[in-house]
């Protein structure tokens, strides 16, 4: 499973955990069956997929300020043991920055 965890200063971490079929934390996944990873001030995942080769892909959001004014959709990839895949874009993370939204002013040119 994957999601987010808040730190004491309000920062946000990607949170992942893996359990065996009977619900026991998998000690081969990091060391306690859980991973907390922060690439920038705020990172979190809201979707998870498992690739055929065992790599874990997460998609979510990232933000570089407390006001989330610089948030962007992001993808993350981890090895089966929970460590970031450093061969995936920028040390395991891929932010997608689309720039400002187009104007919605009536009569404005598209």
Protein backbone atom coordinates (compact mmCIF):
# COMPACT_ATOMS: atom_id res chain seq x y z
CA UNK A 1 0.00 0.00 0.00
CA UNK A 2 1.09 3.58 -0.51
CA UNK A 3 0.06 7.03 0.65
CA UNK A 4 1.56 9.82 2.73
CA UNK A 5 2.85 10.53 6.19
CA UNK A 6 3.27 13.95 7.81
CA UNK A 7 6.48 14.94 9.57
CA UNK A 8 6.71 17.09 12.70
CA UNK A 9 7.34 20.25 10.65
CA UNK A 10 4.37 19.68 8.34
CA UNK A 11 6.47 18.12 5.57
CA UNK A 12 4.95 15.17 3.70
CA UNK A 13 6.60 11.85 2.91
CA UNK A 14 5.71 9.03 0.56
CA UNK A 15 4.68 6.14 2.77
CA UNK A 16 4.72 2.54 1.50
CA UNK A 17 4.37 -0.76 3.28
CA UNK A 18 4.33 -4.39 2.29
CA UNK A 19 2.90 -7.26 4.28
CA UNK A 20 2.80 -11.02 3.84
CA UNK A 21 -0.48 -12.79 3.06
CA UNK A 22 -1.22 -13.05 6.80
CA UNK A 23 -0.67 -9.32 7.40
CA UNK A 24 2.78 -9.50 8.98
CA UNK A 25 5.13 -6.68 7.85
CA UNK A 26 7.63 -7.95 5.25
CA UNK A 27 11.10 -7.45 6.77
CA UNK A 28 12.72 -7.69 3.31
CA UNK A 29 10.96 -4.45 2.34
CA UNK A 30 13.33 -1.83 3.74
CA UNK A 31 13.89 -3.22 7.25
CA UNK A 32 10.50 -3.09 8.95
CA UNK A 33 8.15 -3.60 6.01
CA UNK A 34 7.70 0.14 5.53
CA UNK A 35 9.36 3.00 3.64
CA UNK A 36 9.13 6.74 4.24
CA UNK A 37 10.73 8.77 1.45
CA UNK A 38 10.89 12.50 0.84
CA UNK A 39 12.37 13.91 -2.39
CA UNK A 40 11.24 17.54 -1.85
CA UNK A 41 9.29 19.31 0.92
CA UNK A 42 6.04 17.50 0.11
CA UNK A 43 5.68 14.16 -1.67
CA UNK A 44 2.77 11.79 -1.60
CA UNK A 45 1.36 8.91 -3.58
CA UNK A 46 -2.23 8.13 -4.39
CA UNK A 47 -1.82 5.28 -6.90
CA UNK A 48 0.48 2.26 -6.92
CA UNK A 49 1.33 -0.35 -9.58
CA UNK A 50 3.69 -3.31 -9.65
CA UNK A 51 5.70 -3.84 -12.83
CA UNK A 52 6.35 -7.37 -14.14
CA UNK A 53 10.02 -7.05 -13.04
CA UNK A 54 9.00 -6.27 -9.44
CA UNK A 55 9.61 -2.51 -9.63
CA UNK A 56 7.04 -0.41 -7.78
CA UNK A 57 5.57 2.63 -9.57
CA UNK A 58 3.70 5.32 -7.67
CA UNK A 59 1.92 8.40 -8.96
CA UNK A 60 0.96 11.35 -6.81
CA UNK A 61 1.85 14.96 -6.11
CA UNK A 62 4.84 16.93 -4.96
CA UNK A 63 5.14 20.46 -3.63
CA UNK A 64 8.18 22.59 -2.92
CA UNK A 65 6.52 25.09 -0.59
CA UNK A 66 4.29 24.88 2.47
CA UNK A 67 1.44 26.58 0.64
CA UNK A 68 1.51 23.93 -2.10
CA UNK A 69 1.69 26.78 -4.60
CA UNK A 70 4.30 24.87 -6.56
CA UNK A 71 2.63 21.49 -6.62
CA UNK A 72 2.97 19.19 -9.60
CA UNK A 73 1.88 15.68 -10.52
CA UNK A 74 4.74 13.23 -10.10
CA UNK A 75 5.71 9.63 -10.74
CA UNK A 76 8.09 7.66 -8.55
CA UNK A 77 9.74 4.26 -9.03
CA UNK A 78 11.22 2.02 -6.38
CA UNK A 79 13.01 -1.33 -6.44
CA UNK A 80 11.25 -4.37 -5.00
CA UNK A 81 13.16 -3.87 -1.72
CA UNK A 82 11.75 -0.34 -1.30
CA UNK A 83 14.80 1.67 -2.34
CA UNK A 84 14.34 4.42 -4.96
CA UNK A 85 15.29 3.40 -8.52
CA UNK A 86 18.08 5.87 -9.32
CA UNK A 87 17.81 5.02 -13.04
CA UNK A 88 14.27 6.44 -13.18
CA UNK A 89 14.54 10.05 -14.39
CA UNK A 90 15.96 11.95 -11.38
CA UNK A 91 16.94 9.48 -8.65
CA UNK A 92 13.57 7.72 -8.69
CA UNK A 93 11.23 10.66 -9.20
CA UNK A 94 9.69 12.34 -12.25
CA UNK A 95 7.81 15.61 -11.68
CA UNK A 96 5.56 16.89 -14.46
CA UNK A 97 5.46 20.69 -14.57
CA UNK A 98 2.81 21.93 -16.99
CA UNK A 99 3.13 25.66 -16.34
CA UNK A 100 0.26 28.08 -15.80
CA UNK A 101 -3.28 27.17 -16.76
CA UNK A 102 -4.67 28.84 -19.86
CA UNK A 103 -6.82 31.93 -19.47
CA UNK A 104 -10.53 31.34 -19.03
CA UNK A 105 -11.49 34.95 -19.66
CA UNK A 106 -14.53 35.11 -22.00
CA UNK A 107 -13.48 36.14 -25.46
CA UNK A 108 -9.80 35.40 -24.87
CA UNK A 109 -7.96 33.69 -27.69
CA UNK A 110 -7.19 30.01 -26.96
